[in-house]
Amino acid sequence: MKFSTRRLSALAAVAVTATLSLTACGSSDNNSASGGGNSSGGSGGSASGTTVTFIPKNLGNPYFDASDKDGGQKAVNEFKGKYQEVGPDTATPDGQVSFINTAAQQGVKALVISADDPKAPCSAIKQAMSAGTKVVTFDSDTSADCRDLYISQASAEGIAKTQVDQIAQQIGDSGEIAILSAAANATNQNAWIDLMKKDLAADHPNIKLDGVVYGNDDDQTSFDKTAALLQDHPNLKGIISPTTVGIAAAARYLDTSSAKGKVALTGLGTPNQMRKYVKDGTVTSFALWNPSDLGYLAAYAAKALVDGTITGKQGDTFTAGTLGKYTVGADGTVLLGDPTVFDKSNIDKFNF
């Protein structure tokens, strides 16, 4: 594999800050790597295909299993590239940095990242970009100056309004609610919560938001936070959890508590996680986009950047396999589409 002088100079800088190799990560108790499809995992740039490394917020998260392995890997296989997924086992603001550094050292052509923090990984990302690696964020963005494109699951306004509309319908547009979010630094959740607050104040004056708590996208922490919310707010009528880990943990708690059928729960979840709770009446409805489509679109966007058919400027267009044609919007953002609401009438039509 040949490197340009520019790449070699940049990679030298990366090497100074890199703290782990993939081999080391694989042997760590706290970090993991996995490859698949037509990839042996861990190889650098390929003369015959585009190497794309997915870095989720954390491994073992069903949401990212769907977006990365089901969607991203499918796309990479279609364009005969090489797919790899690496990342931390626990979502922390700087937990992705070592994986970004290692991928840049290996000369991967593109990184596809769901950022745990908008700023913490930026220094590592910028070094990777200076080495020639194209960077696409998806699901949760970084600052716009440290990526080439952001693949947004839906407009932030649409996601926030869908969740507020769902809880308002379920509690009769009146009463106390709370929000169970992911990490306090999560860019996407914080943007949605800010918009939810504005929507509640403007259009739902009889709904009171008691507060926002954080489960850190950890099942047990989210479960415990749900229990604490019900104890601290005995008049609580509803919970919004804009995170797949949080809503599943909250549903699991409600399902076996005296609050079942009394406290509404909605938010963002996957049909496979929530099917049981929708069918047994714990949850009436929730929403999500198709994470597999999100990862699929992100992989094709990465390929378009690597191929040079787009640069990430507003108005650029590219074709994402079976999803069709997409246009780059303002701030280098590509919008997947509107979220889908799942309930008893349609949940069995989806399998992710």
Protein backbone atom coordinates (compact mmCIF):
# COMPACT_ATOMS: atom_id res chain seq x y z
CA MET A 1 0.00 0.00 0.00
CA LYS A 2 1.37 3.37 -1.00
CA PHE A 3 0.85 6.57 0.91
CA SER A 4 1.17 10.13 -0.31
CA THR A 5 3.71 12.42 1.39
CA ARG A 6 0.77 14.39 2.81
CA ARG A 7 -0.76 11.25 4.29
CA LEU A 8 2.55 10.11 5.74
CA SER A 9 3.15 13.46 7.42
CA ALA A 10 -0.31 13.53 8.89
CA LEU A 11 -0.15 9.95 10.02
CA ALA A 12 3.07 10.66 11.85
CA ALA A 13 1.13 13.16 13.91
CA VAL A 14 -1.61 10.64 14.48
CA ALA A 15 0.89 8.10 15.67
CA VAL A 16 2.02 10.43 18.43
CA THR A 17 -1.43 10.55 19.93
CA ALA A 18 -2.63 7.05 19.19
CA THR A 19 -2.79 4.98 22.35
CA LEU A 20 -4.11 1.68 21.12
CA SER A 21 -3.78 -0.57 18.16
CA LEU A 22 -6.73 -2.70 17.03
CA THR A 23 -4.94 -5.73 18.37
CA ALA A 24 -4.63 -4.08 21.72
CA CYS A 25 -8.27 -2.96 21.60
CA GLY A 26 -9.41 -6.45 20.89
CA SER A 27 -7.69 -7.70 23.98
CA SER A 28 -8.99 -4.96 26.21
CA ASP A 29 -11.80 -5.54 28.66
CA ASN A 30 -13.33 -2.20 27.77
CA ASN A 31 -12.94 -1.98 24.00
CA SER A 32 -13.77 -4.19 21.06
CA ALA A 33 -13.48 -4.53 17.31
CA SER A 34 -15.43 -6.58 14.80
CA GLY A 35 -15.33 -6.98 11.04
CA GLY A 36 -17.60 -8.77 8.67
CA GLY A 37 -18.92 -9.24 5.18
CA ASN A 38 -16.09 -9.42 2.70
CA SER A 39 -13.69 -7.85 5.18
CA SER A 40 -11.23 -9.64 7.36
CA GLY A 41 -11.38 -6.57 9.59
CA GLY A 42 -8.56 -4.23 10.48
CA SER A 43 -6.90 -3.83 7.10
CA GLY A 44 -6.01 -0.45 5.73
CA GLY A 45 -6.76 1.08 2.36
CA SER A 46 -7.46 -1.34 -0.46
CA ALA A 47 -6.60 -1.01 -4.10
CA SER A 48 -9.79 -2.85 -5.01
CA GLY A 49 -12.36 -1.39 -2.64
CA THR A 50 -13.31 1.40 -0.27
CA THR A 51 -12.45 0.68 3.34
CA VAL A 52 -15.16 1.97 5.65
CA THR A 53 -14.85 1.77 9.43
CA PHE A 54 -17.98 2.30 11.52
CA ILE A 55 -17.48 3.65 15.05
CA PRO A 56 -20.74 3.55 17.07
CA LYS A 57 -21.20 5.19 20.45
CA ASN A 58 -20.76 1.77 21.99
CA LEU A 59 -20.76 -1.83 20.90
CA GLY A 60 -23.50 -4.24 21.94
CA ASN A 61 -26.21 -1.63 21.39
CA PRO A 62 -29.10 -3.10 19.30
CA TYR A 63 -29.61 0.23 17.59
CA PHE A 64 -26.07 0.24 16.23
CA ASP A 65 -26.24 -3.44 15.41
CA ALA A 66 -29.05 -2.46 13.03
CA SER A 67 -27.43 0.68 11.65
CA ASP A 68 -23.87 -0.62 11.30
CA LYS A 69 -24.03 -4.33 10.68
CA ASP A 70 -27.40 -4.54 8.94
CA GLY A 71 -27.27 -1.24 7.05
CA GLY A 72 -23.68 -0.09 6.72
CA GLN A 73 -22.22 -3.50 6.08
CA LYS A 74 -24.91 -4.25 3.49
CA ALA A 75 -24.03 -1.07 1.59
CA VAL A 76 -20.28 -1.69 1.77
CA ASN A 77 -20.79 -5.21 0.47
CA GLU A 78 -22.88 -3.84 -2.40
CA PHE A 79 -20.11 -1.53 -3.58
CA LYS A 80 -17.54 -4.24 -2.90
CA GLY A 81 -15.67 -2.33 -0.25
CA LYS A 82 -14.31 -3.50 3.08
CA TYR A 83 -16.38 -3.05 6.22
CA GLN A 84 -15.23 -2.90 9.81
CA GLU A 85 -16.90 -1.88 13.06
CA VAL A 86 -14.85 -0.89 16.11
CA GLY A 87 -15.70 1.04 19.24
CA PRO A 88 -15.85 1.20 23.01
CA ASP A 89 -18.05 -1.06 25.08
CA THR A 90 -19.18 1.93 27.12
CA ALA A 91 -20.29 5.29 25.75
CA THR A 92 -18.08 8.05 27.14
CA PRO A 93 -17.18 11.49 25.66
CA ASP A 94 -13.62 10.52 24.70
CA GLY A 95 -14.07 6.76 24.38
CA GLN A 96 -13.95 6.83 20.57
CA VAL A 97 -10.68 8.76 20.24
CA SER A 98 -8.29 5.81 20.30
CA PHE A 99 -10.33 4.01 17.62
CA ILE A 100 -10.27 7.07 15.37
CA ASN A 101 -6.51 7.36 15.76
CA THR A 102 -5.96 3.68 15.01
CA ALA A 103 -8.17 3.73 11.92
CA ALA A 104 -6.30 6.77 10.60
CA GLN A 105 -2.99 5.02 11.18
CA GLN A 106 -4.26 2.12 9.12
CA GLY A 107 -5.19 4.45 6.28
CA VAL A 108 -8.87 3.61 6.08
CA LYS A 109 -10.62 5.57 3.37
CA ALA A 110 -13.66 6.57 5.41
CA LEU A 111 -14.85 6.72 9.00
CA VAL A 112 -18.55 6.66 9.85
CA ILE A 113 -19.07 7.83 13.42
CA SER A 114 -21.98 8.34 15.82
CA ALA A 115 -20.33 10.82 18.17
CA ASP A 116 -20.62 10.48 21.92
CA ASP A 117 -19.66 14.12 22.29
CA PRO A 118 -19.70 16.98 19.77
CA LYS A 119 -16.17 18.17 20.59
CA ALA A 120 -14.18 15.47 22.41
CA PRO A 121 -13.28 13.44 19.27
CA CYS A 122 -12.67 16.46 17.03
CA SER A 123 -8.89 16.69 17.42
CA ALA A 124 -8.49 13.03 16.46
CA ILE A 125 -10.97 13.38 13.59
CA LYS A 126 -9.19 16.42 12.18
CA GLN A 127 -5.88 14.52 12.20
CA ALA A 128 -7.55 11.66 10.36
CA MET A 129 -9.04 14.09 7.83
CA SER A 130 -5.65 15.72 7.28
CA ALA A 131 -4.32 12.25 6.49
CA GLY A 132 -6.91 11.90 3.74
CA THR A 133 -9.62 9.98 5.55
CA LYS A 134 -13.17 11.07 4.77
CA VAL A 135 -15.38 11.40 7.85
CA VAL A 136 -19.15 10.98 7.93
CA THR A 137 -21.07 11.38 11.17
CA PHE A 138 -24.49 9.83 11.56
CA ASP A 139 -27.12 9.59 14.30
CA SER A 140 -25.20 12.01 16.58
CA ASP A 141 -23.12 14.78 15.07
CA THR A 142 -19.83 16.43 15.95
CA SER A 143 -19.07 20.08 15.42
CA ALA A 144 -19.49 20.75 11.70
CA ASP A 145 -15.80 21.65 11.27
CA CYS A 146 -14.62 18.14 12.14
CA ARG A 147 -16.49 16.00 9.62
CA ASP A 148 -17.25 16.05 5.91
CA LEU A 149 -20.94 15.12 6.14
CA TYR A 150 -23.60 14.46 8.74
CA ILE A 151 -26.35 11.93 7.96
CA SER A 152 -29.36 13.00 9.99
CA GLN A 153 -32.05 10.43 10.76
CA ALA A 154 -34.76 13.06 10.42
CA SER A 155 -35.06 16.75 11.10
CA ALA A 156 -34.54 17.56 14.77
CA GLU A 157 -37.84 19.46 14.72
CA GLY A 158 -39.70 16.44 13.32
CA ILE A 159 -38.21 14.04 15.86
CA ALA A 160 -39.00 16.32 18.80
CA LYS A 161 -42.54 17.06 17.65
CA THR A 162 -43.33 13.40 17.02
CA GLN A 163 -42.41 12.48 20.60
CA VAL A 164 -44.31 15.39 22.15
CA ASP A 165 -47.37 14.62 20.03
CA GLN A 166 -47.26 10.98 21.13
CA ILE A 167 -47.11 11.73 24.85
CA ALA A 168 -49.74 14.46 24.54
CA GLN A 169 -52.14 12.02 22.90
CA GLN A 170 -51.50 9.37 25.50
CA ILE A 171 -52.03 11.58 28.61
CA GLY A 172 -54.88 13.70 27.27
CA ASP A 173 -52.63 16.72 26.72
CA SER A 174 -52.49 17.43 30.44
CA GLY A 175 -50.32 16.38 33.39
CA GLU A 176 -46.74 15.91 34.56
CA ILE A 177 -44.12 14.26 32.40
CA ALA A 178 -40.37 13.63 32.55
CA ILE A 179 -37.64 12.86 30.04
CA LEU A 180 -35.25 9.90 30.40
CA SER A 181 -32.36 10.70 28.07
CA ALA A 182 -29.00 9.13 27.21
CA ALA A 183 -25.73 10.89 28.18
CA ALA A 184 -25.83 14.50 29.27
CA ASN A 185 -23.41 15.40 26.44
CA ALA A 186 -25.26 13.55 23.66
CA THR A 187 -25.65 16.08 20.86
CA ASN A 188 -28.76 14.66 19.27
CA GLN A 189 -30.72 14.03 22.45
CA ASN A 190 -29.95 17.51 23.77
CA ALA A 191 -31.08 19.14 20.53
CA TRP A 192 -34.35 17.19 20.59
CA ILE A 193 -34.96 17.98 24.26
CA ASP A 194 -34.49 21.71 23.68
CA LEU A 195 -37.04 21.56 20.86
CA MET A 196 -39.44 19.48 22.97
CA LYS A 197 -39.33 22.12 25.69
CA LYS A 198 -40.18 24.81 23.16
CA ASP A 199 -43.03 22.75 21.70
CA LEU A 200 -44.46 22.03 25.16
CA ALA A 201 -44.33 25.70 26.11
CA ALA A 202 -45.90 26.86 22.85
CA ASP A 203 -48.56 24.23 22.15
CA HIS A 204 -49.13 22.17 25.31
CA PRO A 205 -49.54 24.59 28.24
CA ASN A 206 -51.21 21.97 30.43
CA ILE A 207 -48.28 19.57 30.28
CA LYS A 208 -45.62 20.17 32.93
CA LEU A 209 -42.08 18.85 32.40
CA ASP A 210 -40.85 17.80 35.84
CA GLY A 211 -37.27 17.27 34.70
CA VAL A 212 -34.70 15.46 32.57
CA VAL A 213 -32.67 12.52 33.89
CA TYR A 214 -29.84 10.62 32.18
CA GLY A 215 -29.45 6.87 31.91
CA ASN A 216 -26.18 7.15 29.95
CA ASP A 217 -27.47 4.61 27.44
CA ASP A 218 -26.92 1.94 30.06
CA ASP A 219 -29.76 -0.50 30.64
CA GLN A 220 -29.47 -0.80 34.41
CA THR A 221 -28.87 2.91 34.94
CA SER A 222 -31.90 3.73 32.79
CA PHE A 223 -33.98 1.15 34.68
CA ASP A 224 -32.97 2.68 38.02
CA LYS A 225 -33.62 6.22 36.78
CA THR A 226 -37.14 5.19 35.78
CA ALA A 227 -37.81 3.85 39.25
CA ALA A 228 -36.44 7.06 40.77
CA LEU A 229 -38.63 9.23 38.54
CA LEU A 230 -41.78 7.44 39.68
CA GLN A 231 -40.73 7.72 43.31
CA ASP A 232 -39.77 11.40 43.08
CA HIS A 233 -42.85 12.43 41.07
CA PRO A 234 -45.89 10.48 42.31
CA ASN A 235 -48.20 12.40 39.97
CA LEU A 236 -46.17 11.58 36.88
CA LYS A 237 -48.40 10.71 33.92
CA GLY A 238 -45.84 10.13 31.21
CA ILE A 239 -42.19 9.58 30.29
CA ILE A 240 -40.46 10.42 27.02
CA SER A 241 -37.23 8.51 26.41
CA PRO A 242 -35.49 9.63 23.20
CA THR A 243 -33.04 6.74 23.29
CA THR A 244 -33.49 3.09 22.37
CA VAL A 245 -31.68 1.86 25.47
CA GLY A 246 -33.64 4.14 27.76
CA ILE A 247 -37.12 3.41 26.44
CA ALA A 248 -36.56 -0.36 26.56
CA ALA A 249 -35.30 -0.20 30.15
CA ALA A 250 -38.18 2.07 31.18
CA ALA A 251 -40.69 -0.28 29.55
CA ARG A 252 -39.16 -3.22 31.36
CA TYR A 253 -39.57 -1.41 34.69
CA LEU A 254 -43.13 -0.27 34.02
CA ASP A 255 -44.13 -3.73 32.81
CA THR A 256 -43.67 -5.21 36.27
CA SER A 257 -44.63 -2.20 38.39
CA SER A 258 -47.91 -0.85 39.69
CA ALA A 259 -47.46 2.06 37.25
CA LYS A 260 -48.21 -0.17 34.27
CA GLY A 261 -51.18 1.25 32.40
CA LYS A 262 -51.09 4.40 34.55
CA VAL A 263 -47.86 6.06 33.37
CA ALA A 264 -47.50 6.44 29.62
CA LEU A 265 -44.15 5.83 27.94
CA THR A 266 -43.06 6.88 24.48
CA GLY A 267 -39.88 7.96 22.73
CA LEU A 268 -37.47 6.36 20.30
CA GLY A 269 -37.12 2.58 20.22
CA THR A 270 -36.69 -0.35 17.91
CA PRO A 271 -39.69 -2.58 17.08
CA ASN A 272 -37.87 -5.73 18.13
CA GLN A 273 -37.07 -4.28 21.56
CA MET A 274 -40.52 -2.81 22.13
CA ARG A 275 -42.81 -5.41 20.51
CA LYS A 276 -43.56 -7.22 23.77
CA TYR A 277 -44.44 -4.01 25.60
CA VAL A 278 -46.68 -2.72 22.83
CA LYS A 279 -48.56 -6.01 22.68
CA ASP A 280 -49.02 -6.32 26.45
CA GLY A 281 -50.23 -2.71 26.79
CA THR A 282 -47.24 -1.24 28.66
CA VAL A 283 -46.54 1.08 25.71
CA THR A 284 -49.12 2.47 23.29
CA SER A 285 -46.79 3.87 20.63
CA PHE A 286 -43.26 5.06 20.00
CA ALA A 287 -41.26 6.25 17.02
CA LEU A 288 -38.03 5.76 15.15
CA TRP A 289 -36.52 5.97 11.72
CA ASN A 290 -35.11 2.82 10.17
CA PRO A 291 -31.56 2.61 11.61
CA SER A 292 -30.53 0.12 8.93
CA ASP A 293 -31.39 2.69 6.27
CA LEU A 294 -29.44 5.31 8.22
CA GLY A 295 -26.27 3.21 8.25
CA TYR A 296 -26.82 2.21 4.64
CA LEU A 297 -27.09 5.86 3.58
CA ALA A 298 -24.03 6.83 5.64
CA ALA A 299 -21.91 4.17 3.94
CA TYR A 300 -22.90 5.32 0.46
CA ALA A 301 -22.24 8.95 1.43
CA ALA A 302 -18.77 7.92 2.60
CA LYS A 303 -18.11 6.18 -0.71
CA ALA A 304 -19.22 9.25 -2.67
CA LEU A 305 -16.75 11.36 -0.69
CA VAL A 306 -13.93 8.86 -1.19
CA ASP A 307 -14.67 8.63 -4.92
CA GLY A 308 -14.69 12.43 -5.18
CA THR A 309 -18.17 12.55 -6.71
CA ILE A 310 -19.17 14.89 -3.88
CA THR A 311 -17.23 17.17 -1.56
CA GLY A 312 -19.92 17.75 1.05
CA LYS A 313 -20.99 21.19 -0.13
CA GLN A 314 -24.64 22.17 -0.18
CA GLY A 315 -26.34 21.03 -3.39
CA ASP A 316 -24.09 18.01 -3.99
CA THR A 317 -26.08 14.94 -5.01
CA PHE A 318 -25.33 11.23 -4.84
CA THR A 319 -27.16 7.93 -5.18
CA ALA A 320 -27.38 5.65 -2.15
CA GLY A 321 -28.06 2.24 -3.66
CA THR A 322 -31.69 1.15 -3.29
CA LEU A 323 -32.58 4.26 -1.25
CA GLY A 324 -32.13 6.45 -4.30
CA LYS A 325 -30.86 9.98 -4.78
CA TYR A 326 -29.97 12.36 -1.93
CA THR A 327 -28.94 16.01 -1.82
CA VAL A 328 -26.51 17.59 0.64
CA GLY A 329 -28.22 20.37 2.59
CA ALA A 330 -26.96 23.24 4.70
CA ASP A 331 -24.00 22.60 7.01
CA GLY A 332 -23.12 19.42 5.15
CA THR A 333 -26.24 17.60 6.36
CA VAL A 334 -28.10 14.85 4.50
CA LEU A 335 -31.61 14.05 5.76
CA LEU A 336 -32.79 10.42 5.72
CA GLY A 337 -36.52 11.18 6.09
CA ASP A 338 -39.41 11.38 8.55
CA PRO A 339 -39.65 9.11 11.64
CA THR A 340 -42.18 6.28 11.71
CA VAL A 341 -44.66 5.78 14.57
CA PHE A 342 -45.04 2.15 15.70
CA ASP A 343 -48.10 0.74 17.51
CA LYS A 344 -50.11 -2.48 17.60
CA SER A 345 -51.41 -1.86 14.10
CA ASN A 346 -48.04 -1.94 12.35
CA ILE A 347 -45.25 -3.16 14.63
CA ASP A 348 -45.23 -6.67 13.19
CA LYS A 349 -44.42 -5.26 9.77
CA PHE A 350 -40.91 -4.32 10.98
CA ASN A 351 -37.99 -6.50 12.06
CA PHE A 352 -35.10 -4.50 13.47
